[in-house]
């Protein structure tokens, strides 16, 4: 997925929300978090929306769960505690982020679950390909009888 004007603007707007002194520090922290998220989710960092990354990182910090993220060198996934790693993975795949008042939906169609499930689409959203519902799933034998 290539960067779009929307994702760039969203990423720029997300930077001050991170609460890190200075734009350079905020950008660096966001990129480290995206690199960490890429290692945990298995998706390339370039495909992870910077605005969602900023929201998830901010949400983890606001609940106190993301306090140790700034100290990780180069976003290495090996040093992230298991519970925090699970929260990051769940946040990206479900689009549900922790808040001080409980969990809140921050992404629906952009959640990674719909990219991981190539045969499914977010409910209420159409595919970009006409009549894709009528074709067998990728890798299925078109001559097989049910």
N, C-alpha and C. Protein backbone atom coordinates (compact mmCIF):
# COMPACT_ATOMS: atom_id res chain seq x y z
N UNK A 1 0.84 -1.17 0.00
CA UNK A 1 0.00 0.00 0.00
C UNK A 1 0.88 1.23 0.00
N UNK A 2 0.61 2.14 -0.90
CA UNK A 2 1.43 3.34 -0.97
C UNK A 2 0.82 4.44 -0.10
N UNK A 3 1.66 5.36 0.28
CA UNK A 3 1.20 6.46 1.12
C UNK A 3 0.32 7.39 0.30
N UNK A 4 -0.78 7.80 0.86
CA UNK A 4 -1.68 8.73 0.20
C UNK A 4 -1.63 10.07 0.89
N UNK A 5 -2.20 11.06 0.26
CA UNK A 5 -2.25 12.38 0.85
C UNK A 5 -3.01 12.34 2.17
N UNK A 6 -4.09 11.52 2.19
CA UNK A 6 -4.90 11.40 3.40
C UNK A 6 -4.10 10.80 4.55
N UNK A 7 -3.35 9.73 4.27
CA UNK A 7 -2.57 9.11 5.35
C UNK A 7 -1.44 10.02 5.81
N UNK A 8 -0.84 10.78 4.89
CA UNK A 8 0.22 11.71 5.28
C UNK A 8 -0.34 12.80 6.19
N UNK A 9 -1.46 13.40 5.78
CA UNK A 9 -2.05 14.46 6.58
C UNK A 9 -2.50 13.92 7.93
N UNK A 10 -3.09 12.72 7.92
CA UNK A 10 -3.49 12.11 9.19
C UNK A 10 -2.30 11.86 10.09
N UNK A 11 -1.19 11.43 9.51
CA UNK A 11 0.01 11.20 10.30
C UNK A 11 0.58 12.48 10.88
N UNK A 12 0.56 13.55 10.08
CA UNK A 12 1.06 14.84 10.57
C UNK A 12 0.18 15.36 11.70
N UNK A 13 -1.13 15.21 11.56
CA UNK A 13 -2.04 15.67 12.61
C UNK A 13 -1.92 14.82 13.86
N UNK A 14 -1.54 13.56 13.71
CA UNK A 14 -1.42 12.68 14.88
C UNK A 14 -0.17 12.98 15.70
N UNK A 15 0.82 13.61 15.11
CA UNK A 15 2.09 13.83 15.81
C UNK A 15 1.95 14.63 17.10
N UNK A 16 1.25 15.76 17.12
CA UNK A 16 1.16 16.50 18.39
C UNK A 16 0.40 15.73 19.46
N UNK A 17 -0.48 14.85 19.06
CA UNK A 17 -1.27 14.08 20.02
C UNK A 17 -0.38 13.16 20.84
N UNK A 18 0.75 12.80 20.30
CA UNK A 18 1.63 11.86 20.98
C UNK A 18 2.22 12.44 22.26
N UNK A 19 2.20 13.73 22.41
CA UNK A 19 2.67 14.34 23.65
C UNK A 19 4.17 14.31 23.83
N UNK A 20 4.91 14.19 22.78
CA UNK A 20 6.37 14.17 22.87
C UNK A 20 6.87 15.55 22.47
N UNK A 21 7.83 16.06 23.18
CA UNK A 21 8.36 17.38 22.88
C UNK A 21 8.99 17.45 21.51
N UNK A 22 8.46 18.31 20.67
CA UNK A 22 9.04 18.54 19.36
C UNK A 22 8.52 17.60 18.29
N UNK A 23 8.45 18.14 17.09
CA UNK A 23 7.96 17.34 15.96
C UNK A 23 8.90 16.20 15.61
N UNK A 24 10.19 16.45 15.68
CA UNK A 24 11.15 15.41 15.30
C UNK A 24 11.05 14.21 16.25
N UNK A 25 10.94 14.48 17.53
CA UNK A 25 10.81 13.39 18.50
C UNK A 25 9.51 12.64 18.34
N UNK A 26 8.44 13.35 18.04
CA UNK A 26 7.14 12.71 17.84
C UNK A 26 7.17 11.83 16.60
N UNK A 27 7.76 12.33 15.54
CA UNK A 27 7.85 11.55 14.30
C UNK A 27 8.69 10.29 14.52
N UNK A 28 9.79 10.44 15.21
CA UNK A 28 10.67 9.30 15.48
C UNK A 28 9.96 8.25 16.33
N UNK A 29 9.23 8.69 17.35
CA UNK A 29 8.48 7.76 18.21
C UNK A 29 7.39 7.06 17.43
N UNK A 30 6.72 7.79 16.54
CA UNK A 30 5.67 7.20 15.73
C UNK A 30 6.25 6.16 14.78
N UNK A 31 7.37 6.47 14.16
CA UNK A 31 7.99 5.51 13.23
C UNK A 31 8.51 4.27 13.96
N UNK A 32 9.06 4.45 15.17
CA UNK A 32 9.49 3.29 15.96
C UNK A 32 8.29 2.41 16.31
N UNK A 33 7.17 3.05 16.66
CA UNK A 33 5.97 2.30 17.00
C UNK A 33 5.42 1.57 15.77
N UNK A 34 5.45 2.21 14.62
CA UNK A 34 5.00 1.54 13.39
C UNK A 34 5.91 0.36 13.05
N UNK A 35 7.23 0.51 13.27
CA UNK A 35 8.16 -0.60 13.01
C UNK A 35 7.88 -1.75 13.98
N UNK A 36 7.64 -1.43 15.23
CA UNK A 36 7.30 -2.45 16.22
C UNK A 36 5.99 -3.13 15.84
N UNK A 37 5.00 -2.33 15.47
CA UNK A 37 3.70 -2.88 15.07
C UNK A 37 3.84 -3.78 13.85
N UNK A 38 4.71 -3.41 12.93
CA UNK A 38 4.94 -4.24 11.74
C UNK A 38 5.51 -5.60 12.12
N UNK A 39 6.45 -5.60 13.04
CA UNK A 39 7.03 -6.88 13.47
C UNK A 39 6.00 -7.75 14.20
N UNK A 40 5.12 -7.11 14.97
CA UNK A 40 4.12 -7.86 15.74
C UNK A 40 2.96 -8.36 14.88
N UNK A 41 2.54 -7.55 13.91
CA UNK A 41 1.37 -7.91 13.11
C UNK A 41 1.71 -8.70 11.85
N UNK A 42 2.93 -8.56 11.37
CA UNK A 42 3.31 -9.23 10.13
C UNK A 42 3.00 -8.41 8.88
N UNK A 43 2.52 -7.20 9.04
CA UNK A 43 2.25 -6.31 7.91
C UNK A 43 3.41 -5.32 7.78
N UNK A 44 3.73 -4.88 6.56
CA UNK A 44 4.80 -3.89 6.41
C UNK A 44 4.45 -2.58 7.11
N UNK A 45 5.45 -1.91 7.65
CA UNK A 45 5.22 -0.65 8.36
C UNK A 45 4.57 0.38 7.44
N UNK A 46 4.92 0.37 6.16
CA UNK A 46 4.36 1.34 5.22
C UNK A 46 2.86 1.15 5.04
N UNK A 47 2.34 -0.04 5.32
CA UNK A 47 0.91 -0.28 5.15
C UNK A 47 0.11 0.06 6.41
N UNK A 48 0.79 0.40 7.50
CA UNK A 48 0.11 0.75 8.74
C UNK A 48 -0.15 2.25 8.78
N UNK A 49 -1.40 2.62 8.86
CA UNK A 49 -1.83 4.02 8.82
C UNK A 49 -1.18 4.81 9.96
N UNK A 50 -0.45 5.89 9.63
CA UNK A 50 0.20 6.69 10.67
C UNK A 50 -0.79 7.31 11.65
N UNK A 51 -1.96 7.71 11.18
CA UNK A 51 -2.95 8.31 12.09
C UNK A 51 -3.44 7.27 13.10
N UNK A 52 -3.71 6.05 12.64
CA UNK A 52 -4.13 4.99 13.56
C UNK A 52 -3.01 4.61 14.50
N UNK A 53 -1.77 4.61 13.99
CA UNK A 53 -0.62 4.31 14.85
C UNK A 53 -0.52 5.33 15.96
N UNK A 54 -0.69 6.61 15.61
CA UNK A 54 -0.63 7.67 16.62
C UNK A 54 -1.74 7.53 17.65
N UNK A 55 -2.95 7.18 17.18
CA UNK A 55 -4.07 7.00 18.11
C UNK A 55 -3.84 5.82 19.04
N UNK A 56 -3.35 4.70 18.49
CA UNK A 56 -3.11 3.53 19.31
C UNK A 56 -2.00 3.78 20.31
N UNK A 57 -0.92 4.41 19.87
CA UNK A 57 0.18 4.72 20.78
C UNK A 57 -0.28 5.66 21.88
N UNK A 58 -1.04 6.69 21.51
CA UNK A 58 -1.55 7.63 22.49
C UNK A 58 -2.49 6.94 23.47
N UNK A 59 -3.34 6.03 22.96
CA UNK A 59 -4.27 5.30 23.83
C UNK A 59 -3.51 4.42 24.81
N UNK A 60 -2.48 3.75 24.36
CA UNK A 60 -1.69 2.89 25.25
C UNK A 60 -0.99 3.71 26.33
N UNK A 61 -0.49 4.87 25.94
CA UNK A 61 0.16 5.74 26.92
C UNK A 61 -0.85 6.29 27.92
N UNK A 62 -2.04 6.68 27.45
CA UNK A 62 -3.06 7.27 28.32
C UNK A 62 -3.54 6.28 29.38
N UNK A 63 -3.56 4.99 29.04
CA UNK A 63 -3.99 3.99 30.01
C UNK A 63 -2.83 3.48 30.86
N UNK A 64 -1.61 3.94 30.55
CA UNK A 64 -0.45 3.53 31.32
C UNK A 64 0.19 2.24 30.82
N UNK A 65 -0.42 1.61 29.83
CA UNK A 65 0.11 0.35 29.32
C UNK A 65 1.31 0.53 28.40
N UNK A 66 1.44 1.70 27.77
CA UNK A 66 2.50 1.90 26.80
C UNK A 66 3.70 2.65 27.33
N UNK A 67 3.85 2.70 28.64
CA UNK A 67 4.93 3.49 29.24
C UNK A 67 6.31 3.02 28.78
N UNK A 68 6.51 1.74 28.58
CA UNK A 68 7.83 1.22 28.22
C UNK A 68 8.13 1.26 26.74
N UNK A 69 7.21 1.73 25.91
CA UNK A 69 7.44 1.71 24.47
C UNK A 69 8.53 2.65 24.02
N UNK A 70 8.70 3.78 24.70
CA UNK A 70 9.70 4.75 24.28
C UNK A 70 11.12 4.26 24.49
N UNK A 71 11.32 3.35 25.43
CA UNK A 71 12.65 2.86 25.71
C UNK A 71 13.10 1.71 24.83
N UNK A 72 12.24 1.23 23.96
CA UNK A 72 12.62 0.10 23.12
C UNK A 72 13.54 0.56 22.00
N UNK A 73 14.67 -0.10 21.83
CA UNK A 73 15.57 0.29 20.74
C UNK A 73 15.05 -0.20 19.40
N UNK A 74 14.91 0.69 18.46
CA UNK A 74 14.53 0.36 17.08
C UNK A 74 13.25 -0.46 16.98
N UNK A 75 12.34 -0.34 17.91
CA UNK A 75 11.06 -1.03 17.82
C UNK A 75 11.16 -2.54 17.83
N UNK A 76 12.14 -3.08 18.56
CA UNK A 76 12.30 -4.53 18.59
C UNK A 76 11.12 -5.16 19.32
N UNK A 77 10.58 -6.21 18.73
CA UNK A 77 9.40 -6.86 19.29
C UNK A 77 9.76 -7.84 20.39
N UNK A 78 11.03 -8.26 20.47
CA UNK A 78 11.42 -9.27 21.45
C UNK A 78 11.35 -8.77 22.88
N UNK A 79 11.50 -7.46 23.08
CA UNK A 79 11.57 -6.92 24.43
C UNK A 79 10.22 -6.40 24.95
N UNK A 80 9.16 -6.53 24.15
CA UNK A 80 7.84 -6.05 24.56
C UNK A 80 7.19 -7.11 25.44
N UNK A 81 6.70 -6.73 26.62
CA UNK A 81 6.01 -7.70 27.47
C UNK A 81 4.82 -8.32 26.72
N UNK A 82 4.54 -9.58 27.00
CA UNK A 82 3.50 -10.32 26.29
C UNK A 82 2.14 -9.65 26.29
N UNK A 83 1.73 -9.11 27.43
CA UNK A 83 0.42 -8.46 27.50
C UNK A 83 0.34 -7.21 26.64
N UNK A 84 1.42 -6.42 26.61
CA UNK A 84 1.45 -5.22 25.79
C UNK A 84 1.48 -5.59 24.31
N UNK A 85 2.28 -6.60 23.97
CA UNK A 85 2.33 -7.06 22.58
C UNK A 85 0.94 -7.51 22.12
N UNK A 86 0.23 -8.24 22.97
CA UNK A 86 -1.12 -8.71 22.63
C UNK A 86 -2.06 -7.53 22.43
N UNK A 87 -1.93 -6.48 23.26
CA UNK A 87 -2.78 -5.29 23.11
C UNK A 87 -2.51 -4.57 21.79
N UNK A 88 -1.25 -4.48 21.42
CA UNK A 88 -0.89 -3.82 20.16
C UNK A 88 -1.45 -4.61 18.99
N UNK A 89 -1.25 -5.91 19.00
CA UNK A 89 -1.76 -6.76 17.92
C UNK A 89 -3.29 -6.67 17.84
N UNK A 90 -3.95 -6.78 18.97
CA UNK A 90 -5.41 -6.72 18.99
C UNK A 90 -5.91 -5.35 18.53
N UNK A 91 -5.21 -4.29 18.90
CA UNK A 91 -5.61 -2.95 18.48
C UNK A 91 -5.56 -2.77 16.98
N UNK A 92 -4.50 -3.30 16.36
CA UNK A 92 -4.37 -3.18 14.91
C UNK A 92 -5.38 -4.07 14.18
N UNK A 93 -5.52 -5.31 14.62
CA UNK A 93 -6.39 -6.23 13.89
C UNK A 93 -7.87 -5.94 14.10
N UNK A 94 -8.26 -5.51 15.29
CA UNK A 94 -9.68 -5.27 15.57
C UNK A 94 -10.10 -3.83 15.33
N UNK A 95 -9.17 -2.89 15.45
CA UNK A 95 -9.51 -1.48 15.35
C UNK A 95 -10.06 -0.93 16.65
N UNK A 96 -10.03 -1.73 17.70
CA UNK A 96 -10.54 -1.32 19.01
C UNK A 96 -9.34 -0.97 19.89
N UNK A 97 -9.33 0.27 20.40
CA UNK A 97 -8.21 0.74 21.20
C UNK A 97 -8.64 0.96 22.64
N UNK A 98 -7.70 0.79 23.58
CA UNK A 98 -8.03 1.04 24.99
C UNK A 98 -8.14 2.54 25.26
N UNK A 99 -9.03 2.91 26.15
CA UNK A 99 -9.14 4.30 26.60
C UNK A 99 -9.29 4.28 28.12
N UNK A 100 -9.26 5.44 28.72
CA UNK A 100 -9.43 5.53 30.17
C UNK A 100 -10.83 5.06 30.60
N UNK A 101 -11.81 5.16 29.69
CA UNK A 101 -13.19 4.76 29.99
C UNK A 101 -13.52 3.36 29.49
N UNK A 102 -12.54 2.62 29.03
CA UNK A 102 -12.78 1.29 28.46
C UNK A 102 -12.33 1.27 27.01
N UNK A 103 -12.76 0.29 26.30
CA UNK A 103 -12.36 0.15 24.89
C UNK A 103 -13.26 0.97 23.99
N UNK A 104 -12.68 1.47 22.87
CA UNK A 104 -13.43 2.27 21.90
C UNK A 104 -13.01 1.89 20.49
N UNK A 105 -13.95 1.88 19.57
CA UNK A 105 -13.65 1.58 18.18
C UNK A 105 -13.00 2.80 17.55
N UNK A 106 -11.81 2.63 17.00
CA UNK A 106 -11.08 3.72 16.35
C UNK A 106 -10.94 3.47 14.85
N UNK A 107 -11.12 2.24 14.43
CA UNK A 107 -11.03 1.89 13.00
C UNK A 107 -11.98 0.74 12.76
N UNK A 108 -12.62 0.75 11.62
CA UNK A 108 -13.52 -0.35 11.27
C UNK A 108 -13.05 -0.98 9.98
N UNK A 109 -13.23 -0.28 8.89
CA UNK A 109 -12.81 -0.82 7.60
C UNK A 109 -11.28 -0.92 7.51
N UNK A 110 -10.57 -0.06 8.24
CA UNK A 110 -9.11 -0.03 8.19
C UNK A 110 -8.46 -1.07 9.11
N UNK A 111 -9.25 -1.77 9.91
CA UNK A 111 -8.68 -2.79 10.80
C UNK A 111 -7.99 -3.86 9.96
N UNK A 112 -6.88 -4.37 10.45
CA UNK A 112 -6.09 -5.33 9.69
C UNK A 112 -6.79 -6.66 9.44
N UNK A 113 -7.82 -6.95 10.21
CA UNK A 113 -8.53 -8.22 10.01
C UNK A 113 -9.06 -8.33 8.59
N UNK A 114 -9.49 -7.21 8.00
CA UNK A 114 -10.05 -7.26 6.65
C UNK A 114 -8.98 -7.39 5.59
N UNK A 115 -7.75 -7.02 5.90
CA UNK A 115 -6.64 -7.23 4.97
C UNK A 115 -6.12 -8.66 5.10
N UNK A 116 -6.17 -9.20 6.31
CA UNK A 116 -5.70 -10.56 6.53
C UNK A 116 -6.67 -11.58 5.93
N UNK A 117 -7.96 -11.31 6.02
CA UNK A 117 -8.98 -12.18 5.44
C UNK A 117 -9.29 -11.69 4.04
N UNK A 118 -8.51 -12.13 3.07
CA UNK A 118 -8.64 -11.63 1.71
C UNK A 118 -10.00 -11.92 1.10
N UNK A 119 -10.70 -12.91 1.59
CA UNK A 119 -12.00 -13.29 1.04
C UNK A 119 -13.16 -12.54 1.67
N UNK A 120 -12.92 -11.74 2.69
CA UNK A 120 -13.99 -11.07 3.42
C UNK A 120 -13.86 -9.55 3.29
N UNK A 121 -14.97 -8.88 3.53
CA UNK A 121 -15.00 -7.42 3.53
C UNK A 121 -15.70 -6.97 4.80
N UNK A 122 -15.37 -5.77 5.24
CA UNK A 122 -16.04 -5.22 6.41
C UNK A 122 -17.53 -5.12 6.12
N UNK A 123 -18.39 -5.55 7.04
CA UNK A 123 -19.83 -5.47 6.80
C UNK A 123 -20.26 -4.03 6.47
N UNK A 124 -21.07 -3.92 5.45
CA UNK A 124 -21.57 -2.61 5.04
C UNK A 124 -20.72 -1.96 3.97
N UNK A 125 -19.60 -2.56 3.59
CA UNK A 125 -18.73 -2.00 2.56
C UNK A 125 -18.65 -2.97 1.39
N UNK A 126 -18.72 -2.43 0.22
CA UNK A 126 -18.66 -3.25 -1.00
C UNK A 126 -17.21 -3.47 -1.40
N UNK A 127 -17.03 -4.50 -2.18
CA UNK A 127 -15.72 -4.79 -2.74
C UNK A 127 -15.42 -3.80 -3.85
N UNK A 128 -14.17 -3.71 -4.22
CA UNK A 128 -13.78 -2.86 -5.34
C UNK A 128 -13.92 -3.60 -6.66
N UNK A 129 -14.16 -4.92 -6.61
CA UNK A 129 -14.31 -5.72 -7.81
C UNK A 129 -15.77 -6.11 -7.98
N UNK A 130 -16.35 -5.87 -9.16
CA UNK A 130 -17.75 -6.23 -9.37
C UNK A 130 -17.95 -7.74 -9.33
N UNK A 131 -19.04 -8.16 -8.74
CA UNK A 131 -19.46 -9.56 -8.68
C UNK A 131 -18.44 -10.50 -8.04
N UNK A 132 -17.62 -10.00 -7.14
CA UNK A 132 -16.63 -10.89 -6.52
C UNK A 132 -17.28 -11.95 -5.65
N UNK A 133 -18.50 -11.71 -5.22
CA UNK A 133 -19.23 -12.68 -4.40
C UNK A 133 -19.54 -13.95 -5.18
N UNK A 134 -19.57 -13.86 -6.52
CA UNK A 134 -19.96 -15.01 -7.33
C UNK A 134 -18.79 -15.92 -7.68
N UNK A 135 -17.58 -15.48 -7.41
CA UNK A 135 -16.40 -16.29 -7.74
C UNK A 135 -16.00 -17.15 -6.55
N UNK A 136 -15.45 -18.35 -6.83
CA UNK A 136 -14.98 -19.19 -5.73
C UNK A 136 -13.78 -18.55 -5.05
N UNK A 137 -13.55 -18.89 -3.78
CA UNK A 137 -12.39 -18.34 -3.07
C UNK A 137 -11.09 -18.70 -3.78
N UNK A 138 -10.07 -17.90 -3.60
CA UNK A 138 -8.77 -18.15 -4.20
C UNK A 138 -8.27 -19.52 -3.78
N UNK A 139 -7.79 -20.29 -4.74
CA UNK A 139 -7.26 -21.62 -4.46
C UNK A 139 -8.30 -22.72 -4.43
N UNK A 140 -9.58 -22.37 -4.56
CA UNK A 140 -10.64 -23.39 -4.52
C UNK A 140 -10.76 -24.05 -5.88
N UNK A 141 -11.11 -25.32 -5.88
CA UNK A 141 -11.31 -26.06 -7.12
C UNK A 141 -12.68 -25.69 -7.68
N UNK A 142 -12.72 -25.04 -8.86
CA UNK A 142 -14.02 -24.63 -9.40
C UNK A 142 -14.89 -25.79 -9.84
N UNK A 143 -14.32 -26.99 -9.98
CA UNK A 143 -15.07 -28.16 -10.43
C UNK A 143 -15.53 -29.05 -9.28
N UNK A 144 -15.13 -28.71 -8.07
CA UNK A 144 -15.50 -29.52 -6.92
C UNK A 144 -16.99 -29.33 -6.61
N UNK A 145 -17.63 -30.40 -6.20
CA UNK A 145 -19.06 -30.30 -5.81
C UNK A 145 -19.15 -30.20 -4.30
N UNK A 146 -20.06 -29.36 -3.82
CA UNK A 146 -20.18 -29.20 -2.36
C UNK A 146 -20.78 -30.41 -1.67
